[in-house]
Amino acid sequence: MALGNANTSAQARGKNVATKRKRRKETIAARNYRSFSCGPKAANHPASCSGGPLGNVFTHNGSSALPTVNDIVYTSKRARNPNSFEAGFYKVDGGGGRFKALEIDSAGVVTATHNC
């Protein structure tokens, strides 16, 4: 008689291979994604501009350093489908001492950018 519960023995027999393959595909798909730092989530554009330091690190599938409209933002460097993201406004460093606010929906899609 084996010790442990059914999940332990099922995992030992390789029943979670599909999950491992999915994670691997997501990681490979996100290989060229770019990381960026942003502030905490805010409810609106003015609140995000006056928000705290840029402590969160996210990745995006765009070609520039910062995400632009219609780019998808991910919380980790994996191309998850479907992507779940906490919708709101996020402050990013726009360069040259200027900040921007990104408006991101619950699917992680950047819907607008605003200057602070």
N, C-alpha and C. Protein backbone atom coordinates (compact mmCIF):
# COMPACT_ATOMS: atom_id res chain seq x y z
N MET A 1 0.85 -1.17 0.00
CA MET A 1 0.00 0.00 0.00
C MET A 1 0.89 1.24 0.00
N ALA A 2 0.60 2.16 -0.89
CA ALA A 2 1.41 3.38 -1.03
C ALA A 2 0.95 4.43 -0.03
N LEU A 3 1.91 5.20 0.42
CA LEU A 3 1.60 6.31 1.32
C LEU A 3 1.31 7.56 0.51
N GLY A 4 0.52 8.46 1.06
CA GLY A 4 0.22 9.72 0.37
C GLY A 4 -1.18 9.71 -0.20
N ASN A 5 -1.57 10.85 -0.71
CA ASN A 5 -2.92 10.96 -1.27
C ASN A 5 -2.89 10.73 -2.78
N ALA A 6 -4.04 10.77 -3.40
CA ALA A 6 -4.16 10.47 -4.82
C ALA A 6 -3.40 11.47 -5.68
N ASN A 7 -3.36 12.74 -5.30
CA ASN A 7 -2.65 13.74 -6.11
C ASN A 7 -1.16 13.46 -6.14
N THR A 8 -0.60 13.06 -5.02
CA THR A 8 0.83 12.78 -4.98
C THR A 8 1.18 11.63 -5.90
N SER A 9 0.42 10.57 -5.86
CA SER A 9 0.73 9.43 -6.70
C SER A 9 0.45 9.74 -8.17
N ALA A 10 -0.59 10.54 -8.45
CA ALA A 10 -0.88 10.91 -9.83
C ALA A 10 0.23 11.76 -10.42
N GLN A 11 0.75 12.69 -9.64
CA GLN A 11 1.84 13.53 -10.13
C GLN A 11 3.09 12.70 -10.34
N ALA A 12 3.32 11.72 -9.48
CA ALA A 12 4.49 10.87 -9.62
C ALA A 12 4.42 10.05 -10.90
N ARG A 13 3.22 9.74 -11.35
CA ARG A 13 3.06 8.97 -12.59
C ARG A 13 3.06 9.86 -13.83
N GLY A 14 3.23 11.18 -13.66
CA GLY A 14 3.34 12.07 -14.81
C GLY A 14 2.02 12.58 -15.35
N LYS A 15 0.97 12.60 -14.54
CA LYS A 15 -0.33 13.05 -15.03
C LYS A 15 -0.41 14.56 -15.21
N ASN A 16 0.57 15.32 -14.75
CA ASN A 16 0.54 16.77 -14.92
C ASN A 16 1.46 17.22 -16.05
N VAL A 17 1.77 16.34 -16.98
CA VAL A 17 2.64 16.66 -18.11
C VAL A 17 2.04 17.76 -18.97
N ALA A 18 0.73 17.75 -19.17
CA ALA A 18 0.09 18.78 -20.00
C ALA A 18 0.29 20.16 -19.40
N THR A 19 0.21 20.27 -18.08
CA THR A 19 0.43 21.55 -17.42
C THR A 19 1.87 22.01 -17.60
N LYS A 20 2.81 21.11 -17.48
CA LYS A 20 4.22 21.46 -17.67
C LYS A 20 4.48 21.91 -19.09
N ARG A 21 3.87 21.26 -20.06
CA ARG A 21 4.05 21.64 -21.47
C ARG A 21 3.48 23.04 -21.72
N LYS A 22 2.31 23.31 -21.15
CA LYS A 22 1.69 24.62 -21.33
C LYS A 22 2.58 25.72 -20.76
N ARG A 23 3.11 25.51 -19.55
CA ARG A 23 4.01 26.50 -18.95
C ARG A 23 5.24 26.72 -19.82
N ARG A 24 5.79 25.63 -20.34
CA ARG A 24 6.98 25.72 -21.19
C ARG A 24 6.69 26.52 -22.46
N LYS A 25 5.54 26.27 -23.09
CA LYS A 25 5.17 27.02 -24.29
C LYS A 25 4.99 28.50 -23.99
N GLU A 26 4.37 28.82 -22.84
CA GLU A 26 4.18 30.21 -22.45
C GLU A 26 5.53 30.90 -22.24
N THR A 27 6.47 30.20 -21.64
CA THR A 27 7.80 30.76 -21.40
C THR A 27 8.55 30.99 -22.71
N ILE A 28 8.47 30.04 -23.62
CA ILE A 28 9.16 30.18 -24.91
C ILE A 28 8.55 31.32 -25.71
N ALA A 29 7.23 31.44 -25.71
CA ALA A 29 6.56 32.51 -26.45
C ALA A 29 6.94 33.89 -25.93
N ALA A 30 7.25 33.98 -24.64
CA ALA A 30 7.58 35.27 -24.02
C ALA A 30 9.08 35.55 -24.01
N ARG A 31 9.84 34.79 -24.72
CA ARG A 31 11.30 34.92 -24.70
C ARG A 31 11.77 36.33 -25.07
N ASN A 32 11.12 36.99 -26.01
CA ASN A 32 11.55 38.31 -26.47
C ASN A 32 10.76 39.46 -25.86
N TYR A 33 9.98 39.18 -24.84
CA TYR A 33 9.21 40.23 -24.19
C TYR A 33 10.13 41.15 -23.40
N ARG A 34 9.71 42.39 -23.22
CA ARG A 34 10.52 43.40 -22.53
C ARG A 34 9.95 43.69 -21.15
N SER A 35 10.84 43.89 -20.19
CA SER A 35 10.42 44.24 -18.82
C SER A 35 10.41 45.75 -18.65
N PHE A 36 9.55 46.23 -17.76
CA PHE A 36 9.51 47.65 -17.43
C PHE A 36 9.02 47.80 -16.00
N SER A 37 9.37 48.93 -15.39
CA SER A 37 8.96 49.21 -14.01
C SER A 37 7.81 50.20 -14.02
N CYS A 38 6.90 50.02 -13.08
CA CYS A 38 5.77 50.94 -12.97
C CYS A 38 5.37 51.09 -11.51
N GLY A 39 4.56 52.10 -11.26
CA GLY A 39 4.08 52.38 -9.92
C GLY A 39 2.90 51.50 -9.56
N PRO A 40 2.36 51.69 -8.38
CA PRO A 40 1.20 50.90 -7.96
C PRO A 40 -0.04 51.27 -8.76
N LYS A 41 -1.01 50.37 -8.76
CA LYS A 41 -2.26 50.59 -9.48
C LYS A 41 -3.03 51.74 -8.85
N ALA A 42 -3.62 52.58 -9.69
CA ALA A 42 -4.44 53.70 -9.21
C ALA A 42 -5.79 53.65 -9.92
N ALA A 43 -6.77 54.33 -9.35
CA ALA A 43 -8.12 54.32 -9.88
C ALA A 43 -8.30 55.23 -11.09
N ASN A 44 -7.46 56.29 -11.19
CA ASN A 44 -7.61 57.21 -12.31
C ASN A 44 -6.25 57.79 -12.70
N HIS A 45 -6.23 58.55 -13.78
CA HIS A 45 -5.00 59.11 -14.32
C HIS A 45 -4.28 60.05 -13.35
N PRO A 46 -4.94 61.05 -12.76
CA PRO A 46 -4.22 61.94 -11.84
C PRO A 46 -3.66 61.22 -10.61
N ALA A 47 -4.41 60.24 -10.10
CA ALA A 47 -3.93 59.51 -8.93
C ALA A 47 -2.70 58.67 -9.26
N SER A 48 -2.63 58.13 -10.47
CA SER A 48 -1.46 57.33 -10.84
C SER A 48 -0.22 58.20 -10.98
N CYS A 49 -0.39 59.42 -11.50
CA CYS A 49 0.76 60.32 -11.67
C CYS A 49 1.34 60.77 -10.34
N SER A 50 0.51 60.88 -9.34
CA SER A 50 1.01 61.30 -8.03
C SER A 50 1.30 60.08 -7.15
N GLY A 51 1.23 58.89 -7.73
CA GLY A 51 1.42 57.65 -6.99
C GLY A 51 2.84 57.44 -6.52
N GLY A 52 3.04 56.31 -5.89
CA GLY A 52 4.32 55.95 -5.27
C GLY A 52 5.42 55.63 -6.25
N PRO A 53 6.51 55.08 -5.73
CA PRO A 53 7.68 54.77 -6.56
C PRO A 53 7.39 53.64 -7.55
N LEU A 54 8.25 53.53 -8.54
CA LEU A 54 8.10 52.53 -9.59
C LEU A 54 8.66 51.20 -9.11
N GLY A 55 7.91 50.49 -8.30
CA GLY A 55 8.40 49.26 -7.69
C GLY A 55 7.92 47.97 -8.34
N ASN A 56 6.88 48.02 -9.15
CA ASN A 56 6.36 46.81 -9.81
C ASN A 56 7.11 46.57 -11.11
N VAL A 57 7.38 45.31 -11.42
CA VAL A 57 8.03 44.96 -12.68
C VAL A 57 7.10 44.05 -13.45
N PHE A 58 6.74 44.47 -14.66
CA PHE A 58 5.89 43.70 -15.55
C PHE A 58 6.62 43.50 -16.87
N THR A 59 6.09 42.65 -17.73
CA THR A 59 6.64 42.47 -19.08
C THR A 59 5.54 42.77 -20.09
N HIS A 60 5.96 43.09 -21.32
CA HIS A 60 4.98 43.37 -22.37
C HIS A 60 5.48 42.82 -23.69
N ASN A 61 4.56 42.64 -24.63
CA ASN A 61 4.90 42.03 -25.91
C ASN A 61 5.22 43.04 -27.00
N GLY A 62 5.35 44.30 -26.66
CA GLY A 62 5.64 45.34 -27.65
C GLY A 62 7.10 45.37 -28.06
N SER A 63 7.40 46.22 -29.04
CA SER A 63 8.76 46.30 -29.56
C SER A 63 9.55 47.46 -28.96
N SER A 64 8.90 48.38 -28.26
CA SER A 64 9.61 49.51 -27.66
C SER A 64 9.87 49.23 -26.18
N ALA A 65 10.62 50.12 -25.54
CA ALA A 65 10.98 49.93 -24.13
C ALA A 65 9.75 49.96 -23.22
N LEU A 66 8.79 50.83 -23.53
CA LEU A 66 7.55 50.91 -22.77
C LEU A 66 6.39 50.41 -23.63
N PRO A 67 5.37 49.85 -23.00
CA PRO A 67 4.23 49.40 -23.80
C PRO A 67 3.47 50.58 -24.40
N THR A 68 2.92 50.36 -25.56
CA THR A 68 2.10 51.36 -26.24
C THR A 68 0.68 50.80 -26.38
N VAL A 69 -0.22 51.58 -26.94
CA VAL A 69 -1.61 51.16 -27.09
C VAL A 69 -1.67 49.85 -27.87
N ASN A 70 -2.49 48.93 -27.40
CA ASN A 70 -2.72 47.59 -27.95
C ASN A 70 -1.63 46.57 -27.60
N ASP A 71 -0.58 46.94 -26.89
CA ASP A 71 0.37 45.97 -26.37
C ASP A 71 -0.26 45.25 -25.19
N ILE A 72 0.18 44.03 -24.94
CA ILE A 72 -0.35 43.25 -23.82
C ILE A 72 0.70 43.20 -22.71
N VAL A 73 0.26 43.48 -21.49
CA VAL A 73 1.13 43.50 -20.32
C VAL A 73 0.87 42.24 -19.50
N TYR A 74 1.94 41.61 -19.04
CA TYR A 74 1.85 40.39 -18.24
C TYR A 74 2.52 40.63 -16.89
N THR A 75 2.03 39.93 -15.86
CA THR A 75 2.62 40.07 -14.53
C THR A 75 3.90 39.26 -14.39
N SER A 76 4.11 38.27 -15.25
CA SER A 76 5.34 37.49 -15.25
C SER A 76 5.79 37.30 -16.69
N LYS A 77 6.97 36.78 -16.88
CA LYS A 77 7.49 36.64 -18.23
C LYS A 77 7.00 35.33 -18.85
N ARG A 78 5.67 35.23 -18.95
CA ARG A 78 5.01 34.10 -19.58
C ARG A 78 3.83 34.61 -20.37
N ALA A 79 3.67 34.16 -21.59
CA ALA A 79 2.58 34.59 -22.47
C ALA A 79 1.31 33.80 -22.14
N ARG A 80 0.67 34.15 -21.06
CA ARG A 80 -0.52 33.42 -20.62
C ARG A 80 -1.73 33.76 -21.49
N ASN A 81 -2.50 32.74 -21.77
CA ASN A 81 -3.71 32.94 -22.54
C ASN A 81 -4.81 32.12 -21.90
N PRO A 82 -5.84 32.68 -21.33
CA PRO A 82 -6.11 34.11 -21.24
C PRO A 82 -5.27 34.78 -20.15
N ASN A 83 -4.97 36.04 -20.37
CA ASN A 83 -4.17 36.81 -19.43
C ASN A 83 -5.10 37.52 -18.46
N SER A 84 -4.86 37.36 -17.17
CA SER A 84 -5.66 38.10 -16.18
C SER A 84 -4.76 39.16 -15.55
N PHE A 85 -5.21 40.39 -15.57
CA PHE A 85 -4.42 41.52 -15.10
C PHE A 85 -5.33 42.40 -14.25
N GLU A 86 -4.77 43.07 -13.26
CA GLU A 86 -5.55 43.97 -12.43
C GLU A 86 -5.69 45.30 -13.16
N ALA A 87 -6.88 45.56 -13.68
CA ALA A 87 -7.12 46.75 -14.49
C ALA A 87 -6.92 48.02 -13.67
N GLY A 88 -6.43 49.06 -14.34
CA GLY A 88 -6.25 50.35 -13.68
C GLY A 88 -5.24 51.21 -14.41
N PHE A 89 -4.75 52.21 -13.73
CA PHE A 89 -3.78 53.16 -14.26
C PHE A 89 -2.44 52.93 -13.56
N TYR A 90 -1.36 52.90 -14.32
CA TYR A 90 -0.04 52.64 -13.78
C TYR A 90 0.93 53.71 -14.26
N LYS A 91 1.72 54.27 -13.35
CA LYS A 91 2.70 55.30 -13.68
C LYS A 91 4.00 54.63 -14.15
N VAL A 92 4.56 55.12 -15.26
CA VAL A 92 5.83 54.64 -15.78
C VAL A 92 6.73 55.83 -16.07
N ASP A 93 8.03 55.58 -16.10
CA ASP A 93 9.00 56.63 -16.42
C ASP A 93 9.07 56.78 -17.93
N GLY A 94 8.64 57.92 -18.43
CA GLY A 94 8.64 58.17 -19.87
C GLY A 94 9.98 58.65 -20.40
N GLY A 95 10.97 58.81 -19.54
CA GLY A 95 12.29 59.28 -19.96
C GLY A 95 12.41 60.78 -19.85
N GLY A 96 13.60 61.27 -19.61
CA GLY A 96 13.84 62.70 -19.51
C GLY A 96 13.17 63.34 -18.30
N GLY A 97 12.94 62.58 -17.25
CA GLY A 97 12.31 63.12 -16.06
C GLY A 97 10.80 63.28 -16.16
N ARG A 98 10.22 62.80 -17.25
CA ARG A 98 8.77 62.89 -17.44
C ARG A 98 8.14 61.52 -17.20
N PHE A 99 6.96 61.55 -16.63
CA PHE A 99 6.25 60.32 -16.36
C PHE A 99 5.00 60.22 -17.22
N LYS A 100 4.56 58.98 -17.45
CA LYS A 100 3.33 58.71 -18.18
C LYS A 100 2.46 57.80 -17.34
N ALA A 101 1.18 57.77 -17.66
CA ALA A 101 0.25 56.85 -17.03
C ALA A 101 -0.30 55.93 -18.11
N LEU A 102 -0.22 54.63 -17.86
CA LEU A 102 -0.77 53.66 -18.79
C LEU A 102 -2.14 53.21 -18.28
N GLU A 103 -3.13 53.20 -19.14
CA GLU A 103 -4.44 52.66 -18.79
C GLU A 103 -4.50 51.24 -19.33
N ILE A 104 -4.64 50.26 -18.42
CA ILE A 104 -4.59 48.85 -18.80
C ILE A 104 -5.89 48.17 -18.37
N ASP A 105 -6.48 47.38 -19.27
CA ASP A 105 -7.74 46.70 -18.93
C ASP A 105 -7.46 45.35 -18.27
N SER A 106 -8.52 44.61 -17.94
CA SER A 106 -8.37 43.36 -17.19
C SER A 106 -7.72 42.24 -17.99
N ALA A 107 -7.64 42.37 -19.31
CA ALA A 107 -6.94 41.38 -20.14
C ALA A 107 -5.47 41.74 -20.31
N GLY A 108 -5.04 42.86 -19.72
CA GLY A 108 -3.65 43.30 -19.83
C GLY A 108 -3.36 44.15 -21.04
N VAL A 109 -4.37 44.53 -21.79
CA VAL A 109 -4.18 45.33 -23.01
C VAL A 109 -4.11 46.81 -22.63
N VAL A 110 -3.08 47.50 -23.15
CA VAL A 110 -2.95 48.94 -22.92
C VAL A 110 -3.98 49.64 -23.81
N THR A 111 -4.91 50.34 -23.17
CA THR A 111 -5.97 50.99 -23.94
C THR A 111 -5.66 52.47 -24.20
N ALA A 112 -4.82 53.09 -23.38
CA ALA A 112 -4.46 54.50 -23.58
C ALA A 112 -3.21 54.84 -22.79
N THR A 113 -2.52 55.88 -23.23
CA THR A 113 -1.39 56.43 -22.48
C THR A 113 -1.67 57.91 -22.24
N HIS A 114 -1.30 58.39 -21.08
CA HIS A 114 -1.53 59.78 -20.69
C HIS A 114 -0.23 60.38 -20.18
N ASN A 115 0.05 61.63 -20.51
CA ASN A 115 1.20 62.34 -19.95
C ASN A 115 0.85 62.85 -18.58
N CYS A 116 1.82 62.80 -17.67
CA CYS A 116 1.60 63.32 -16.31
C CYS A 116 1.94 64.79 -16.26
